[in-house]
């Protein structure tokens, strides 16, 4: 019994890797049962054993994306407050080739999530978690006197909007917005908050 379970788990991992490969190369627009089967070197029948349809495939792809995002290397915050907020912002940006690929996939997922109520709800919760993390650093910065008092939730929304706007611009114009420029813009944004 155990070997069969191990084989099943191993095969599911292979399928997940194929899903990731298709996402990385073709985005959500190219994510089909046929494309995953081709990346796996198998028939679509094997893929349909794991996913009843495209919606399940997309939901699985979003789960993989969230896990890989959580497991990616990140800078550690050197201190609480403003330093932690800066680190969170920088960790979102497409500063390395892997971060570029991850952000391309995330941005590609927005259209999919906006058109499906369940995926929309899941994406909404993801962004609530991101804003909560930003809000905690903002509250620390306010307690430390690094930021003026104000609504930390509103400021977290502003910080995330700025960061995601920078992500999109950097993806579309990487020559104008290399890593050093992105980082400098984050520092300029934070400096404006402290004035």
Protein backbone atom coordinates (compact mmCIF):
# COMPACT_ATOMS: atom_id res chain seq x y z
CA UNK A 1 0.00 0.00 0.00
CA UNK A 2 2.74 2.49 0.91
CA UNK A 3 4.66 2.18 -2.40
CA UNK A 4 1.49 3.00 -4.37
CA UNK A 5 0.92 6.10 -2.23
CA UNK A 6 4.55 7.13 -2.69
CA UNK A 7 4.24 6.65 -6.47
CA UNK A 8 1.04 8.70 -6.50
CA UNK A 9 2.65 11.51 -4.48
CA UNK A 10 5.73 11.44 -6.69
CA UNK A 11 3.61 11.58 -9.85
CA UNK A 12 1.54 14.45 -8.43
CA UNK A 13 4.79 16.31 -7.75
CA UNK A 14 5.85 15.68 -11.37
CA UNK A 15 2.51 17.05 -12.56
CA UNK A 16 2.94 20.13 -10.35
CA UNK A 17 6.42 20.73 -11.78
CA UNK A 18 4.97 20.48 -15.30
CA UNK A 19 2.27 23.00 -14.37
CA UNK A 20 4.97 25.35 -13.09
CA UNK A 21 7.05 24.89 -16.25
CA UNK A 22 4.08 25.82 -18.44
CA UNK A 23 3.31 28.85 -16.25
CA UNK A 24 6.90 30.05 -16.37
CA UNK A 25 7.13 29.67 -20.15
CA UNK A 26 3.63 30.63 -21.30
CA UNK A 27 1.76 32.20 -18.37
CA UNK A 28 -1.85 31.51 -17.52
CA UNK A 29 -2.91 32.08 -21.13
CA UNK A 30 -0.92 29.01 -22.18
CA UNK A 31 -1.91 26.83 -19.23
CA UNK A 32 -3.91 23.99 -20.75
CA UNK A 33 -4.24 20.28 -20.06
CA UNK A 34 -2.47 19.61 -23.36
CA UNK A 35 0.44 21.94 -22.52
CA UNK A 36 0.90 20.34 -19.09
CA UNK A 37 0.79 16.86 -20.66
CA UNK A 38 3.43 17.91 -23.21
CA UNK A 39 5.67 19.32 -20.46
CA UNK A 40 5.20 16.08 -18.55
CA UNK A 41 5.84 13.95 -21.62
CA UNK A 42 2.56 12.10 -21.16
CA UNK A 43 -1.01 12.00 -22.39
CA UNK A 44 -3.72 14.43 -21.40
CA UNK A 45 -5.45 11.44 -19.80
CA UNK A 46 -2.84 11.43 -17.05
CA UNK A 47 -3.36 15.14 -16.42
CA UNK A 48 -7.15 14.74 -16.28
CA UNK A 49 -6.58 12.12 -13.59
CA UNK A 50 -5.42 15.01 -11.37
CA UNK A 51 -7.60 17.85 -12.67
CA UNK A 52 -11.22 17.50 -13.74
CA UNK A 53 -11.03 20.66 -15.82
CA UNK A 54 -9.25 23.89 -16.55
CA UNK A 55 -10.61 25.63 -13.44
CA UNK A 56 -9.07 22.97 -11.15
CA UNK A 57 -5.82 23.25 -13.10
CA UNK A 58 -5.77 27.03 -12.62
CA UNK A 59 -6.61 26.76 -8.91
CA UNK A 60 -3.73 24.30 -8.50
CA UNK A 61 -1.41 26.63 -10.42
CA UNK A 62 -2.32 29.51 -8.08
CA UNK A 63 -1.63 27.27 -5.07
CA UNK A 64 1.78 26.36 -6.51
CA UNK A 65 2.48 30.03 -7.15
CA UNK A 66 1.62 30.95 -3.57
CA UNK A 67 3.81 28.16 -2.14
CA UNK A 68 6.75 29.09 -4.36
CA UNK A 69 6.32 32.75 -3.47
CA UNK A 70 6.41 31.89 0.24
CA UNK A 71 9.49 29.67 -0.22
CA UNK A 72 11.53 32.04 -2.41
CA UNK A 73 14.68 33.58 -0.95
CA UNK A 74 13.95 36.89 0.74
CA UNK A 75 15.93 39.57 2.42
CA UNK A 76 15.57 39.58 6.19
CA UNK A 77 14.48 42.80 7.84
CA UNK A 78 17.42 44.34 9.73
CA UNK A 79 15.11 45.98 12.26
CA UNK A 80 11.40 46.50 12.94
CA UNK A 81 9.49 49.50 11.69
CA UNK A 82 10.54 51.39 8.58
CA UNK A 83 13.43 49.00 7.84
CA UNK A 84 11.02 46.05 7.91
CA UNK A 85 8.55 47.90 5.68
CA UNK A 86 11.32 48.61 3.16
CA UNK A 87 12.38 44.97 3.20
CA UNK A 88 8.81 43.80 2.57
CA UNK A 89 8.52 46.16 -0.40
CA UNK A 90 11.87 45.14 -1.87
CA UNK A 91 11.02 41.46 -1.47
CA UNK A 92 8.00 41.96 -3.76
CA UNK A 93 9.93 43.65 -6.58
CA UNK A 94 11.29 41.91 -9.71
CA UNK A 95 14.95 42.47 -8.78
CA UNK A 96 16.33 39.07 -9.89
CA UNK A 97 15.54 36.80 -12.86
CA UNK A 98 13.58 34.44 -10.56
CA UNK A 99 11.64 37.37 -9.09
CA UNK A 100 10.89 38.64 -12.61
CA UNK A 101 9.47 35.23 -13.57
CA UNK A 102 7.44 35.03 -10.35
CA UNK A 103 6.02 38.52 -10.82
CA UNK A 104 5.16 37.87 -14.48
CA UNK A 105 3.14 34.85 -13.39
CA UNK A 106 1.42 36.77 -10.57
CA UNK A 107 0.46 39.62 -12.87
CA UNK A 108 -0.81 37.08 -15.40
CA UNK A 109 -2.97 35.51 -12.70
CA UNK A 110 -4.94 38.71 -12.11
CA UNK A 111 -7.10 38.32 -15.21
CA UNK A 112 -7.89 34.71 -14.32
CA UNK A 113 -8.77 35.63 -10.73
CA UNK A 114 -10.94 38.57 -11.75
CA UNK A 115 -13.12 36.34 -13.92
CA UNK A 116 -13.82 33.53 -11.43
CA UNK A 117 -15.64 34.20 -8.12
CA UNK A 118 -13.79 31.51 -6.12
CA UNK A 119 -10.37 32.50 -7.44
CA UNK A 120 -11.30 36.15 -6.89
CA UNK A 121 -12.08 35.41 -3.24
CA UNK A 122 -8.82 33.51 -2.77
CA UNK A 123 -6.82 36.33 -4.36
CA UNK A 124 -8.61 38.88 -2.18
CA UNK A 125 -7.53 36.94 0.93
CA UNK A 126 -3.94 36.80 -0.34
CA UNK A 127 -3.85 40.57 -0.68
CA UNK A 128 -5.42 41.01 2.75
CA UNK A 129 -2.53 38.95 4.18
CA UNK A 130 0.07 41.06 2.35
CA UNK A 131 -1.53 44.29 3.57
CA UNK A 132 -1.68 42.91 7.13
CA UNK A 133 2.07 42.29 7.06
CA UNK A 134 2.71 45.79 5.74
CA UNK A 135 0.32 47.26 8.32
CA UNK A 136 2.22 45.56 11.16
CA UNK A 137 5.49 47.17 10.02
CA UNK A 138 3.77 50.53 9.62
CA UNK A 139 2.37 50.28 13.17
CA UNK A 140 5.87 49.47 14.45
CA UNK A 141 7.27 52.46 12.54
CA UNK A 142 4.60 54.70 14.05
CA UNK A 143 5.37 53.42 17.57
CA UNK A 144 9.09 54.03 16.96
CA UNK A 145 8.38 57.58 15.77
CA UNK A 146 9.66 56.81 12.24
CA UNK A 147 6.25 57.55 10.68
CA UNK A 148 3.58 60.02 11.68
CA UNK A 149 0.42 58.73 13.29
CA UNK A 150 -2.38 57.95 10.89
CA UNK A 151 -4.44 55.07 9.58
CA UNK A 152 -1.95 52.19 9.15
CA UNK A 153 -4.43 50.19 7.06
CA UNK A 154 -4.84 53.03 4.59
CA UNK A 155 -1.08 53.52 4.40
CA UNK A 156 -0.57 49.76 3.86
CA UNK A 157 -2.94 49.97 0.89
CA UNK A 158 -0.96 52.92 -0.49
CA UNK A 159 2.36 51.10 -0.02
CA UNK A 160 1.07 47.98 -1.78
CA UNK A 161 -0.41 50.04 -4.62
CA UNK A 162 2.93 51.82 -5.11
CA UNK A 163 4.87 48.55 -4.98
CA UNK A 164 2.61 46.72 -7.41
CA UNK A 165 2.61 49.71 -9.74
CA UNK A 166 6.40 49.61 -9.72
CA UNK A 167 6.32 45.85 -10.40
CA UNK A 168 4.15 46.33 -13.48
CA UNK A 169 6.27 49.19 -14.81
CA UNK A 170 9.49 47.22 -14.25
CA UNK A 171 8.07 44.19 -16.06
CA UNK A 172 7.10 46.29 -19.07
CA UNK A 173 10.21 48.49 -19.10
CA UNK A 174 13.10 46.59 -17.48
CA UNK A 175 15.77 48.68 -19.20
CA UNK A 176 14.42 51.88 -17.67
CA UNK A 177 13.76 50.26 -14.29
CA UNK A 178 16.65 47.91 -13.42
CA UNK A 179 16.98 46.59 -9.88
CA UNK A 180 19.01 49.56 -8.61
CA UNK A 181 16.44 52.04 -9.92
CA UNK A 182 13.55 50.11 -8.40
CA UNK A 183 15.28 50.07 -5.03
CA UNK A 184 16.04 53.80 -5.25
CA UNK A 185 12.37 54.52 -6.02
CA UNK A 186 11.33 52.54 -2.93
CA UNK A 187 13.76 54.59 -0.85
CA UNK A 188 12.43 57.83 -2.36
CA UNK A 189 8.85 56.73 -1.63
CA UNK A 190 9.68 55.92 1.99
CA UNK A 191 11.60 59.18 2.40
CA UNK A 192 8.51 61.06 1.22
CA UNK A 193 6.43 59.26 3.87
CA UNK A 194 8.76 60.39 6.64
CA UNK A 195 8.75 64.09 5.68
